[in-house]
Structures are given as structure tokens and as C-alpha cells.
Amino acid sequence: MPLSLTGSYSHTYIEITYRCDGLTRTHKSKS
């Protein structure tokens, strides 16, 4: 697997995880 592809995948995974975590915190905060 190319290093560039691995880096891109990792960045996307981290971004999605960060967004999901942010949505969860916002939801809990509103609750």
C-alpha cells in the first residue's frame, strides 16, 4: 500500500472520528 494512500486514509479516518466525537459532545451538551 502506497505511503500517500495510507496517510490520506488515516487523515480521513481521524477527521470522521473527530466529527463523530464532536456531534456526540454537542448532543450530550444539548441534553
N, C-alpha and C. Protein backbone atom coordinates (compact mmCIF):
# COMPACT_ATOMS: atom_id res chain seq x y z
N MET A 1 0.86 -1.21 0.00
CA MET A 1 0.00 0.00 0.00
C MET A 1 0.89 1.25 0.00
N PRO A 2 0.67 2.15 -0.93
CA PRO A 2 1.48 3.38 -1.02
C PRO A 2 1.38 4.20 0.26
N LEU A 3 2.47 4.83 0.62
CA LEU A 3 2.51 5.63 1.84
C LEU A 3 1.52 6.78 1.75
N SER A 4 1.40 7.39 0.57
CA SER A 4 0.49 8.52 0.40
C SER A 4 -0.95 8.09 0.64
N LEU A 5 -1.27 6.89 0.18
CA LEU A 5 -2.64 6.39 0.35
C LEU A 5 -2.92 6.13 1.83
N THR A 6 -1.93 5.61 2.53
CA THR A 6 -2.08 5.33 3.95
C THR A 6 -2.29 6.63 4.72
N GLY A 7 -1.52 7.65 4.38
CA GLY A 7 -1.64 8.94 5.05
C GLY A 7 -3.00 9.56 4.79
N SER A 8 -3.48 9.45 3.57
CA SER A 8 -4.78 10.02 3.21
C SER A 8 -5.89 9.30 3.97
N TYR A 9 -5.79 7.99 4.06
CA TYR A 9 -6.80 7.20 4.76
C TYR A 9 -6.81 7.55 6.25
N SER A 10 -5.61 7.67 6.83
CA SER A 10 -5.51 7.99 8.25
C SER A 10 -6.12 9.36 8.52
N HIS A 11 -5.84 10.31 7.65
CA HIS A 11 -6.36 11.67 7.83
C HIS A 11 -7.89 11.66 7.76
N THR A 12 -8.43 10.92 6.81
CA THR A 12 -9.88 10.84 6.66
C THR A 12 -10.51 10.17 7.87
N TYR A 13 -9.88 9.10 8.34
CA TYR A 13 -10.40 8.36 9.49
C TYR A 13 -10.42 9.24 10.73
N ILE A 14 -9.32 9.99 10.94
CA ILE A 14 -9.23 10.88 12.10
C ILE A 14 -10.28 11.98 12.00
N GLU A 15 -10.47 12.52 10.80
CA GLU A 15 -11.44 13.61 10.61
C GLU A 15 -12.86 13.12 10.91
N ILE A 16 -13.19 11.92 10.42
CA ILE A 16 -14.52 11.35 10.66
C ILE A 16 -14.71 11.08 12.15
N THR A 17 -13.69 10.52 12.78
CA THR A 17 -13.78 10.22 14.21
C THR A 17 -13.96 11.50 15.00
N TYR A 18 -13.21 12.55 14.62
CA TYR A 18 -13.30 13.84 15.31
C TYR A 18 -14.69 14.44 15.16
N ARG A 19 -15.25 14.35 13.96
CA ARG A 19 -16.59 14.90 13.72
C ARG A 19 -17.63 14.14 14.52
N CYS A 20 -17.53 12.81 14.54
CA CYS A 20 -18.49 11.99 15.28
C CYS A 20 -18.39 12.33 16.76
N ASP A 21 -17.17 12.50 17.27
CA ASP A 21 -16.97 12.84 18.67
C ASP A 21 -17.57 14.21 18.95
N GLY A 22 -17.42 15.14 18.02
CA GLY A 22 -17.96 16.49 18.20
C GLY A 22 -19.48 16.46 18.23
N LEU A 23 -20.08 15.65 17.36
CA LEU A 23 -21.54 15.55 17.32
C LEU A 23 -22.05 14.94 18.62
N THR A 24 -21.33 13.95 19.12
CA THR A 24 -21.74 13.29 20.36
C THR A 24 -21.68 14.27 21.52
N ARG A 25 -20.61 15.06 21.59
CA ARG A 25 -20.47 16.03 22.67
C ARG A 25 -21.56 17.09 22.58
N THR A 26 -21.85 17.53 21.37
CA THR A 26 -22.88 18.56 21.18
C THR A 26 -24.24 18.01 21.60
N HIS A 27 -24.50 16.77 21.24
CA HIS A 27 -25.79 16.14 21.58
C HIS A 27 -25.92 16.02 23.09
N LYS A 28 -24.87 15.59 23.76
CA LYS A 28 -24.89 15.44 25.22
C LYS A 28 -25.04 16.81 25.87
N SER A 29 -24.40 17.81 25.30
CA SER A 29 -24.45 19.16 25.86
C SER A 29 -25.87 19.71 25.80
N LYS A 30 -26.53 19.48 24.66
CA LYS A 30 -27.91 19.96 24.49
C LYS A 30 -28.85 19.21 25.43
N SER A 31 -28.55 17.94 25.64
CA SER A 31 -29.39 17.14 26.52
C SER A 31 -29.16 17.59 27.95
